[in-house]
Every structure is written in C-alpha cells, then in structure tokens.
Amino acid sequence: MTSSKALSFDQHFLIDKQAIITMVEHAHLDATDVVLEVGPGKGDITKHIAQQVKKVYAIEIDKSFKPYLDALPDNVEVIYDNILNRIEHIACNKLVANIPFSISEPLLKKIIKTNIARVVLLTGNNFFTILSDKEKKLGKIISLFFDVRKKMELKKEMFAPKPRVLSALIVLEKRTKPLTAQEQLLKELALQDDKKIKNGLLYGLMRRNHYTKNESRAFIAKLNIPDSLLEKNINSLSNRQFKLLCDSLL
C-alpha cells in the first residue's frame, strides 16, 4: 500500500514490533475472548491477537489488503466495510483498534451502545486530552460508561506513514463505580442521542425510575431546563449548553 493511498483513508499503521506487543498485552486476552479489530492493514496486530483468542472479527475498509488478510488464521473473519456501519451488529467483548484519528469520536459514540467491556485504542494524543476532561461534553459522556487511561505515547516513527501528531495508546475499561442520579439521566440521553432531550429524559425516567408519563413530564418541568435545550439532542449541544443541562439535573 502506498503512503498516498493510506493517507486517503487517514490510516497510519503501527510498524514498531514492541509497540504492537504492548498494545495486544493491554487487551488482557484469553481463549474465550471474541475480539473486534479495526483497521488490520496487513494483519500484523491481528496475528498476535488471533493466537490468544477464540475469534477475531477484523474490519478493513481497504480491499487492497486482501492478499495479506487471506493468509490469516482460520479464527479470523475479515469484513471489508467501514467500522461505523458494522460495529453495532458484531457480538464481541473486546475491541483493539489502530483507527484513523478522524473517526475516534464517532466510533466511541457507537461503542458505548455495545456490550464491549474493554477497548484498546491508538489515537491522537490530543484526543486523549479531550477524553480526560470531564468538564467537557465528550469526556463526561464517555466517563459514564468507561474508565479511560493512557498507557503510553508513541513516536511518529512507529507508524507508516508517519502521522502529523503524537499518538497515544489508551485503554477504556467498563466503569464499575455506581452512577449518581444525575449521571443515570445523562447516560440515558447518551444512549438515546437520536431523540430530543425532552423525549430522552421522558423515556429514561419511565424506564429507570418507573415513573408514569405524566410523572416524568412533571419531574422534567421542575428541572427548569430551557425549552431551547429540551428541543435539541445531546450531540448538538455545545460544551456550554451541556454544562447548563448538567447543572439543571443536579
């Protein structure tokens, strides 16, 4: 694959052998795991994963890698598609991804709607900074589902072609700390991001608190959330609007 073609897909493949080993180690794999790998390229990471697990689903958008991926072990199923079109339809418990940095946020917004318990992700170091900031919308939403930790920074020379920015190996592990009442409502809104906030709150209160529809509407009215916010979905909120919503839920 030429560098120009890789860049057309915003792909930067990890070529450092020790970094590959470290990445796979952080997945904490065992023989019962079903792993989703995103962006296998020539399969360098895939081979290490396949040796340790029951099944690997490898999602690759670029069919030019087929000659390499056809040679992978029998427990690897290669799917040629965009991961954003497939992730919600693949049953797995772990995800390992060296993804185009440009899909980091939309991918995570889909991961939170799955049963994936552990995610090992190579992404831009700046994106990790955003995820770590629980005062901002994305960082707060992801923290409702996962604990996020950076395991190492990776130099540009560890990739081909070289990315323009520093990369980070991060691990997301399912949150075990109980959610507050406010966080439970925010989680409902994140899972129903296709709905207006007023409807997400309504159905969330009915499901989690077992309120009637009228009781839910009365509860929402007491929150004094501006109508302009209630008519939006959570994805369209700015950080300032999201903070206002959080403060209203306290």
C-alpha atoms as a PDB file:
ATOM      1  CA  MET A   1       0.000   0.000   0.000  1.00  0.00           C
ATOM      2  CA  THR A   2       1.405   3.388  -0.969  1.00  0.00           C
ATOM      3  CA  SER A   3       1.627   6.205   1.503  1.00  0.00           C
ATOM      4  CA  SER A   4      -0.700   8.306  -0.653  1.00  0.00           C
ATOM      5  CA  LYS A   5      -3.392   5.634  -0.547  1.00  0.00           C
ATOM      6  CA  ALA A   6      -3.006   5.170   3.200  1.00  0.00           C
ATOM      7  CA  LEU A   7      -3.388   8.888   3.692  1.00  0.00           C
ATOM      8  CA  SER A   8      -6.537   8.880   1.566  1.00  0.00           C
ATOM      9  CA  PHE A   9      -8.097   6.681   4.248  1.00  0.00           C
ATOM     10  CA  ASP A  10      -6.396   8.661   7.056  1.00  0.00           C
ATOM     11  CA  GLN A  11      -4.600   5.438   8.056  1.00  0.00           C
ATOM     12  CA  HIS A  12      -1.288   5.248   9.911  1.00  0.00           C
ATOM     13  CA  PHE A  13      -0.213   1.651  10.504  1.00  0.00           C
ATOM     14  CA  LEU A  14       1.747   0.671  13.584  1.00  0.00           C
ATOM     15  CA  ILE A  15       5.012  -0.945  12.476  1.00  0.00           C
ATOM     16  CA  ASP A  16       7.034  -0.964  15.697  1.00  0.00           C
ATOM     17  CA  LYS A  17       7.117  -4.624  16.825  1.00  0.00           C
ATOM     18  CA  GLN A  18       7.466  -3.917  20.544  1.00  0.00           C
ATOM     19  CA  ALA A  19       4.638  -1.379  20.432  1.00  0.00           C
ATOM     20  CA  ILE A  20       2.424  -3.993  18.737  1.00  0.00           C
ATOM     21  CA  ILE A  21       3.197  -6.497  21.507  1.00  0.00           C
ATOM     22  CA  THR A  22       2.487  -3.875  24.183  1.00  0.00           C
ATOM     23  CA  MET A  23      -0.804  -2.914  22.553  1.00  0.00           C
ATOM     24  CA  VAL A  24      -2.022  -6.513  22.473  1.00  0.00           C
ATOM     25  CA  GLU A  25      -0.886  -7.135  26.059  1.00  0.00           C
ATOM     26  CA  HIS A  26      -3.115  -4.298  27.254  1.00  0.00           C
ATOM     27  CA  ALA A  27      -6.131  -6.092  25.786  1.00  0.00           C
ATOM     28  CA  HIS A  28      -5.777  -8.759  28.523  1.00  0.00           C
ATOM     29  CA  LEU A  29      -6.767 -11.513  26.109  1.00  0.00           C
ATOM     30  CA  ASP A  30      -7.772 -15.077  26.899  1.00  0.00           C
ATOM     31  CA  ALA A  31      -9.043 -18.109  24.997  1.00  0.00           C
ATOM     32  CA  THR A  32     -12.718 -17.203  25.489  1.00  0.00           C
ATOM     33  CA  ASP A  33     -12.494 -13.699  24.014  1.00  0.00           C
ATOM     34  CA  VAL A  34     -14.201 -12.591  20.830  1.00  0.00           C
ATOM     35  CA  VAL A  35     -12.265  -9.555  19.623  1.00  0.00           C
ATOM     36  CA  LEU A  36     -13.148  -6.880  17.117  1.00  0.00           C
ATOM     37  CA  GLU A  37     -10.100  -5.394  15.412  1.00  0.00           C
ATOM     38  CA  VAL A  38     -10.441  -2.216  13.417  1.00  0.00           C
ATOM     39  CA  GLY A  39      -8.020  -1.394  10.621  1.00  0.00           C
ATOM     40  CA  PRO A  40      -5.887  -4.550  10.437  1.00  0.00           C
ATOM     41  CA  GLY A  41      -3.978  -3.459   7.322  1.00  0.00           C
ATOM     42  CA  LYS A  42      -1.589  -6.300   6.549  1.00  0.00           C
ATOM     43  CA  GLY A  43      -2.614  -8.130   9.728  1.00  0.00           C
ATOM     44  CA  ASP A  44       0.487  -7.509  11.851  1.00  0.00           C
ATOM     45  CA  ILE A  45      -1.577  -6.877  15.004  1.00  0.00           C
ATOM     46  CA  THR A  46      -4.242  -9.402  14.000  1.00  0.00           C
ATOM     47  CA  LYS A  47      -1.773 -12.300  14.070  1.00  0.00           C
ATOM     48  CA  HIS A  48      -0.835 -11.582  17.683  1.00  0.00           C
ATOM     49  CA  ILE A  49      -4.480 -11.342  18.728  1.00  0.00           C
ATOM     50  CA  ALA A  50      -5.591 -14.493  16.880  1.00  0.00           C
ATOM     51  CA  GLN A  51      -3.042 -16.648  18.702  1.00  0.00           C
ATOM     52  CA  GLN A  52      -4.695 -15.932  22.038  1.00  0.00           C
ATOM     53  CA  VAL A  53      -8.459 -15.758  21.474  1.00  0.00           C
ATOM     54  CA  LYS A  54     -11.478 -17.712  20.304  1.00  0.00           C
ATOM     55  CA  LYS A  55     -12.463 -15.428  17.406  1.00  0.00           C
ATOM     56  CA  VAL A  56     -11.357 -12.209  15.695  1.00  0.00           C
ATOM     57  CA  TYR A  57     -13.545 -10.018  13.511  1.00  0.00           C
ATOM     58  CA  ALA A  58     -11.194  -7.794  11.501  1.00  0.00           C
ATOM     59  CA  ILE A  59     -12.856  -4.808   9.836  1.00  0.00           C
ATOM     60  CA  GLU A  60     -10.854  -3.285   6.991  1.00  0.00           C
ATOM     61  CA  ILE A  61     -12.112  -0.579   4.656  1.00  0.00           C
ATOM     62  CA  ASP A  62      -9.355  -1.068   2.054  1.00  0.00           C
ATOM     63  CA  LYS A  63      -9.716  -4.198  -0.091  1.00  0.00           C
ATOM     64  CA  SER A  64      -6.173  -3.864  -1.424  1.00  0.00           C
ATOM     65  CA  PHE A  65      -5.043  -5.647   1.764  1.00  0.00           C
ATOM     66  CA  LYS A  66      -6.979  -8.791   0.831  1.00  0.00           C
ATOM     67  CA  PRO A  67      -3.906 -10.818  -0.293  1.00  0.00           C
ATOM     68  CA  TYR A  68      -2.372 -10.322   3.168  1.00  0.00           C
ATOM     69  CA  LEU A  69      -5.562 -10.820   5.157  1.00  0.00           C
ATOM     70  CA  ASP A  70      -6.491 -14.009   3.281  1.00  0.00           C
ATOM     71  CA  ALA A  71      -3.449 -15.646   4.880  1.00  0.00           C
ATOM     72  CA  LEU A  72      -4.593 -15.036   8.465  1.00  0.00           C
ATOM     73  CA  PRO A  73      -5.560 -17.966  10.764  1.00  0.00           C
ATOM     74  CA  ASP A  74      -8.953 -19.662  10.473  1.00  0.00           C
ATOM     75  CA  ASN A  75     -10.318 -17.971  13.599  1.00  0.00           C
ATOM     76  CA  VAL A  76     -10.113 -14.586  11.862  1.00  0.00           C
ATOM     77  CA  GLU A  77     -13.100 -13.348   9.871  1.00  0.00           C
ATOM     78  CA  VAL A  78     -12.280 -10.366   7.682  1.00  0.00           C
ATOM     79  CA  ILE A  79     -15.068  -7.931   6.813  1.00  0.00           C
ATOM     80  CA  TYR A  80     -14.456  -5.220   4.219  1.00  0.00           C
ATOM     81  CA  ASP A  81     -16.505  -2.246   5.310  1.00  0.00           C
ATOM     82  CA  ASN A  82     -16.494   0.963   7.306  1.00  0.00           C
ATOM     83  CA  ILE A  83     -16.489   0.118  11.022  1.00  0.00           C
ATOM     84  CA  LEU A  84     -19.082   2.809  11.687  1.00  0.00           C
ATOM     85  CA  ASN A  85     -21.542   0.799   9.593  1.00  0.00           C
ATOM     86  CA  ARG A  86     -20.861  -2.514  11.350  1.00  0.00           C
ATOM     87  CA  ILE A  87     -19.901  -2.176  14.990  1.00  0.00           C
ATOM     88  CA  GLU A  88     -23.408  -2.384  16.427  1.00  0.00           C
ATOM     89  CA  HIS A  89     -24.014  -5.648  14.572  1.00  0.00           C
ATOM     90  CA  ILE A  90     -20.943  -7.599  15.750  1.00  0.00           C
ATOM     91  CA  ALA A  91     -21.078  -9.529  19.026  1.00  0.00           C
ATOM     92  CA  CYS A  92     -17.724  -9.220  20.794  1.00  0.00           C
ATOM     93  CA  ASN A  93     -16.401  -8.458  24.251  1.00  0.00           C
ATOM     94  CA  LYS A  94     -13.196  -6.587  23.388  1.00  0.00           C
ATOM     95  CA  LEU A  95     -12.028  -4.157  20.741  1.00  0.00           C
ATOM     96  CA  VAL A  96      -8.493  -3.426  19.562  1.00  0.00           C
ATOM     97  CA  ALA A  97      -8.184  -0.553  17.133  1.00  0.00           C
ATOM     98  CA  ASN A  98      -5.495   1.354  15.272  1.00  0.00           C
ATOM     99  CA  ILE A  99      -8.017   3.635  13.671  1.00  0.00           C
ATOM    100  CA  PRO A 100      -7.960   6.745  11.525  1.00  0.00           C
ATOM    101  CA  PHE A 101      -7.849   9.576  14.054  1.00  0.00           C
ATOM    102  CA  SER A 102     -10.769  11.265  12.294  1.00  0.00           C
ATOM    103  CA  ILE A 103     -13.238   8.561  13.393  1.00  0.00           C
ATOM    104  CA  SER A 104     -12.161   8.394  17.053  1.00  0.00           C
ATOM    105  CA  GLU A 105     -15.147  10.350  18.364  1.00  0.00           C
ATOM    106  CA  PRO A 106     -17.901   8.802  16.200  1.00  0.00           C
ATOM    107  CA  LEU A 107     -16.539   5.327  16.938  1.00  0.00           C
ATOM    108  CA  LEU A 108     -16.633   5.859  20.697  1.00  0.00           C
ATOM    109  CA  LYS A 109     -20.189   7.159  20.465  1.00  0.00           C
ATOM    110  CA  LYS A 110     -21.114   3.813  18.918  1.00  0.00           C
ATOM    111  CA  ILE A 111     -19.012   1.714  21.302  1.00  0.00           C
ATOM    112  CA  ILE A 112     -20.957   2.993  24.328  1.00  0.00           C
ATOM    113  CA  LYS A 113     -24.082   1.401  22.839  1.00  0.00           C
ATOM    114  CA  THR A 114     -22.490  -2.067  22.679  1.00  0.00           C
ATOM    115  CA  ASN A 115     -21.553  -4.708  25.262  1.00  0.00           C
ATOM    116  CA  ILE A 116     -17.820  -4.278  24.653  1.00  0.00           C
ATOM    117  CA  ALA A 117     -16.092  -4.389  28.038  1.00  0.00           C
ATOM    118  CA  ARG A 118     -12.527  -3.380  27.133  1.00  0.00           C
ATOM    119  CA  VAL A 119     -11.195  -1.158  24.365  1.00  0.00           C
ATOM    120  CA  VAL A 120      -7.546  -0.741  23.395  1.00  0.00           C
ATOM    121  CA  LEU A 121      -7.219   2.227  21.091  1.00  0.00           C
ATOM    122  CA  LEU A 122      -4.460   4.036  19.238  1.00  0.00           C
ATOM    123  CA  THR A 123      -5.497   7.612  18.732  1.00  0.00           C
ATOM    124  CA  GLY A 124      -4.140  11.127  18.734  1.00  0.00           C
ATOM    125  CA  ASN A 125      -2.635  12.333  21.998  1.00  0.00           C
ATOM    126  CA  ASN A 126      -4.804  15.448  21.787  1.00  0.00           C
ATOM    127  CA  PHE A 127      -7.901  13.263  21.634  1.00  0.00           C
ATOM    128  CA  PHE A 128      -6.913  11.599  24.894  1.00  0.00           C
ATOM    129  CA  THR A 129      -6.694  15.058  26.470  1.00  0.00           C
ATOM    130  CA  ILE A 130     -10.272  15.722  25.362  1.00  0.00           C
ATOM    131  CA  LEU A 131     -11.460  12.376  26.767  1.00  0.00           C
ATOM    132  CA  SER A 132      -9.782  13.109  30.091  1.00  0.00           C
ATOM    133  CA  ASP A 133     -11.595  16.413  30.594  1.00  0.00           C
ATOM    134  CA  LYS A 134     -14.818  15.532  32.419  1.00  0.00           C
ATOM    135  CA  GLU A 135     -15.827  19.191  32.386  1.00  0.00           C
ATOM    136  CA  LYS A 136     -16.386  18.898  28.638  1.00  0.00           C
ATOM    137  CA  LYS A 137     -19.211  17.015  26.958  1.00  0.00           C
ATOM    138  CA  LEU A 138     -17.367  14.123  25.345  1.00  0.00           C
ATOM    139  CA  GLY A 139     -15.152  13.429  28.339  1.00  0.00           C
ATOM    140  CA  LYS A 140     -18.132  13.429  30.693  1.00  0.00           C
ATOM    141  CA  ILE A 141     -20.246  11.174  28.466  1.00  0.00           C
ATOM    142  CA  ILE A 142     -17.503   8.569  27.974  1.00  0.00           C
ATOM    143  CA  SER A 143     -16.798   8.562  31.728  1.00  0.00           C
ATOM    144  CA  LEU A 144     -20.382   7.369  32.312  1.00  0.00           C
ATOM    145  CA  PHE A 145     -19.503   4.138  30.524  1.00  0.00           C
ATOM    146  CA  PHE A 146     -15.730   3.651  30.785  1.00  0.00           C
ATOM    147  CA  ASP A 147     -12.670   4.436  32.856  1.00  0.00           C
ATOM    148  CA  VAL A 148     -10.086   5.877  30.461  1.00  0.00           C
ATOM    149  CA  ARG A 149      -6.335   5.567  30.928  1.00  0.00           C
ATOM    150  CA  LYS A 150      -3.334   6.414  28.777  1.00  0.00           C
ATOM    151  CA  LYS A 151      -0.758   3.612  28.779  1.00  0.00           C
ATOM    152  CA  MET A 152       1.946   5.139  26.587  1.00  0.00           C
ATOM    153  CA  GLU A 153       2.757   7.772  23.991  1.00  0.00           C
ATOM    154  CA  LEU A 154       4.001   6.622  20.604  1.00  0.00           C
ATOM    155  CA  LYS A 155       6.511   8.404  18.415  1.00  0.00           C
ATOM    156  CA  LYS A 156       5.664   9.285  14.846  1.00  0.00           C
ATOM    157  CA  GLU A 157       8.432   6.958  13.638  1.00  0.00           C
ATOM    158  CA  MET A 158       6.487   3.955  14.938  1.00  0.00           C
ATOM    159  CA  PHE A 159       3.935   4.360  12.139  1.00  0.00           C
ATOM    160  CA  ALA A 160       3.867   4.187   8.368  1.00  0.00           C
ATOM    161  CA  PRO A 161       3.079   6.664   7.007  1.00  0.00           C
ATOM    162  CA  LYS A 162       4.030   8.955   9.881  1.00  0.00           C
ATOM    163  CA  PRO A 163       1.141  10.867  11.455  1.00  0.00           C
ATOM    164  CA  ARG A 164       1.375  14.622  11.852  1.00  0.00           C
ATOM    165  CA  VAL A 165       0.664  14.455  15.588  1.00  0.00           C
ATOM    166  CA  LEU A 166       1.787  12.383  18.555  1.00  0.00           C
ATOM    167  CA  SER A 167      -0.215   9.232  19.240  1.00  0.00           C
ATOM    168  CA  ALA A 168      -1.402   7.637  22.465  1.00  0.00           C
ATOM    169  CA  LEU A 169      -2.236   4.074  23.421  1.00  0.00           C
ATOM    170  CA  ILE A 170      -5.325   4.290  25.609  1.00  0.00           C
ATOM    171  CA  VAL A 171      -7.425   1.677  27.369  1.00  0.00           C
ATOM    172  CA  LEU A 172     -11.116   2.040  28.121  1.00  0.00           C
ATOM    173  CA  GLU A 173     -12.495  -0.379  30.699  1.00  0.00           C
ATOM    174  CA  LYS A 174     -16.149  -0.678  31.685  1.00  0.00           C
ATOM    175  CA  ARG A 175     -16.967   1.597  34.595  1.00  0.00           C
ATOM    176  CA  THR A 176     -17.736  -0.177  37.866  1.00  0.00           C
ATOM    177  CA  LYS A 177     -18.321   2.848  40.114  1.00  0.00           C
ATOM    178  CA  PRO A 178     -22.070   3.386  40.681  1.00  0.00           C
ATOM    179  CA  LEU A 179     -23.653   6.292  38.826  1.00  0.00           C
ATOM    180  CA  THR A 180     -25.291   9.194  40.631  1.00  0.00           C
ATOM    181  CA  ALA A 181     -28.915  10.008  39.818  1.00  0.00           C
ATOM    182  CA  GLN A 182     -27.728  12.846  37.563  1.00  0.00           C
ATOM    183  CA  GLU A 183     -25.296  10.557  35.776  1.00  0.00           C
ATOM    184  CA  GLN A 184     -28.005   7.947  35.200  1.00  0.00           C
ATOM    185  CA  LEU A 185     -30.116  10.531  33.377  1.00  0.00           C
ATOM    186  CA  LEU A 186     -27.130  11.714  31.332  1.00  0.00           C
ATOM    187  CA  LYS A 187     -26.395   8.104  30.401  1.00  0.00           C
ATOM    188  CA  GLU A 188     -29.962   7.688  29.184  1.00  0.00           C
ATOM    189  CA  LEU A 189     -29.559  10.774  27.000  1.00  0.00           C
ATOM    190  CA  ALA A 190     -26.269   9.498  25.582  1.00  0.00           C
ATOM    191  CA  LEU A 191     -27.865   6.169  24.672  1.00  0.00           C
ATOM    192  CA  GLN A 192     -30.800   7.958  23.052  1.00  0.00           C
ATOM    193  CA  ASP A 193     -28.806  10.564  21.165  1.00  0.00           C
ATOM    194  CA  ASP A 194     -31.186  10.353  18.211  1.00  0.00           C
ATOM    195  CA  LYS A 195     -34.002  11.756  20.386  1.00  0.00           C
ATOM    196  CA  LYS A 196     -34.702  15.243  21.620  1.00  0.00           C
ATOM    197  CA  ILE A 197     -33.545  15.765  25.191  1.00  0.00           C
ATOM    198  CA  LYS A 198     -37.136  16.127  26.427  1.00  0.00           C
ATOM    199  CA  ASN A 199     -38.011  12.719  24.982  1.00  0.00           C
ATOM    200  CA  GLY A 200     -34.810  11.070  26.177  1.00  0.00           C
ATOM    201  CA  LEU A 201     -35.486  12.277  29.711  1.00  0.00           C
ATOM    202  CA  LEU A 202     -39.114  11.176  29.487  1.00  0.00           C
ATOM    203  CA  TYR A 203     -38.309   7.610  28.476  1.00  0.00           C
ATOM    204  CA  GLY A 204     -35.311   7.460  30.800  1.00  0.00           C
ATOM    205  CA  LEU A 205     -37.405   8.392  33.826  1.00  0.00           C
ATOM    206  CA  MET A 206     -40.099   5.919  32.845  1.00  0.00           C
ATOM    207  CA  ARG A 207     -37.577   3.127  32.448  1.00  0.00           C
ATOM    208  CA  ARG A 208     -35.166   3.786  35.317  1.00  0.00           C
ATOM    209  CA  ASN A 209     -37.466   5.408  37.895  1.00  0.00           C
ATOM    210  CA  HIS A 210     -40.642   3.606  36.820  1.00  0.00           C
ATOM    211  CA  TYR A 211     -42.476   6.921  36.611  1.00  0.00           C
ATOM    212  CA  THR A 212     -45.667   7.269  34.610  1.00  0.00           C
ATOM    213  CA  LYS A 213     -45.551   9.532  31.582  1.00  0.00           C
ATOM    214  CA  ASN A 214     -47.304  12.306  33.473  1.00  0.00           C
ATOM    215  CA  GLU A 215     -44.998  11.928  36.474  1.00  0.00           C
ATOM    216  CA  SER A 216     -41.997  12.114  34.145  1.00  0.00           C
ATOM    217  CA  ARG A 217     -43.287  15.286  32.496  1.00  0.00           C
ATOM    218  CA  ALA A 218     -43.870  16.886  35.893  1.00  0.00           C
ATOM    219  CA  PHE A 219     -40.345  15.951  37.003  1.00  0.00           C
ATOM    220  CA  ILE A 220     -38.821  17.428  33.830  1.00  0.00           C
ATOM    221  CA  ALA A 221     -40.809  20.647  34.293  1.00  0.00           C
ATOM    222  CA  LYS A 222     -39.326  21.065  37.779  1.00  0.00           C
ATOM    223  CA  LEU A 223     -35.791  20.893  36.368  1.00  0.00           C
ATOM    224  CA  ASN A 224     -36.242  24.278  34.693  1.00  0.00           C
ATOM    225  CA  ILE A 225     -34.249  23.230  31.628  1.00  0.00           C
ATOM    226  CA  PRO A 226     -34.650  25.911  28.933  1.00  0.00           C
ATOM    227  CA  ASP A 227     -37.028  24.868  26.148  1.00  0.00           C
ATOM    228  CA  SER A 228     -34.293  25.609  23.624  1.00  0.00           C
ATOM    229  CA  LEU A 229     -32.221  22.766  25.136  1.00  0.00           C
ATOM    230  CA  LEU A 230     -35.121  20.348  25.506  1.00  0.00           C
ATOM    231  CA  GLU A 231     -35.715  20.542  21.763  1.00  0.00           C
ATOM    232  CA  LYS A 232     -32.118  19.560  20.923  1.00  0.00           C
ATOM    233  CA  ASN A 233     -30.432  16.157  21.056  1.00  0.00           C
ATOM    234  CA  ILE A 234     -27.355  15.712  23.177  1.00  0.00           C
ATOM    235  CA  ASN A 235     -24.955  15.521  20.217  1.00  0.00           C
ATOM    236  CA  SER A 236     -25.896  19.013  19.067  1.00  0.00           C
ATOM    237  CA  LEU A 237     -25.140  20.680  22.410  1.00  0.00           C
ATOM    238  CA  SER A 238     -22.088  22.859  22.798  1.00  0.00           C
ATOM    239  CA  ASN A 239     -19.914  22.381  25.873  1.00  0.00           C
ATOM    240  CA  ARG A 240     -21.568  25.428  27.450  1.00  0.00           C
ATOM    241  CA  GLN A 241     -25.071  24.090  26.767  1.00  0.00           C
ATOM    242  CA  PHE A 242     -24.081  20.661  28.052  1.00  0.00           C
ATOM    243  CA  LYS A 243     -22.848  22.187  31.323  1.00  0.00           C
ATOM    244  CA  LEU A 244     -26.156  24.040  31.659  1.00  0.00           C
ATOM    245  CA  LEU A 245     -28.000  20.753  31.178  1.00  0.00           C
ATOM    246  CA  CYS A 246     -25.827  19.022  33.795  1.00  0.00           C
ATOM    247  CA  ASP A 247     -26.378  21.823  36.282  1.00  0.00           C
ATOM    248  CA  SER A 248     -30.152  21.578  35.723  1.00  0.00           C
ATOM    249  CA  LEU A 249     -30.099  17.852  36.505  1.00  0.00           C
ATOM    250  CA  LEU A 250     -28.422  18.304  39.894  1.00  0.00           C
END
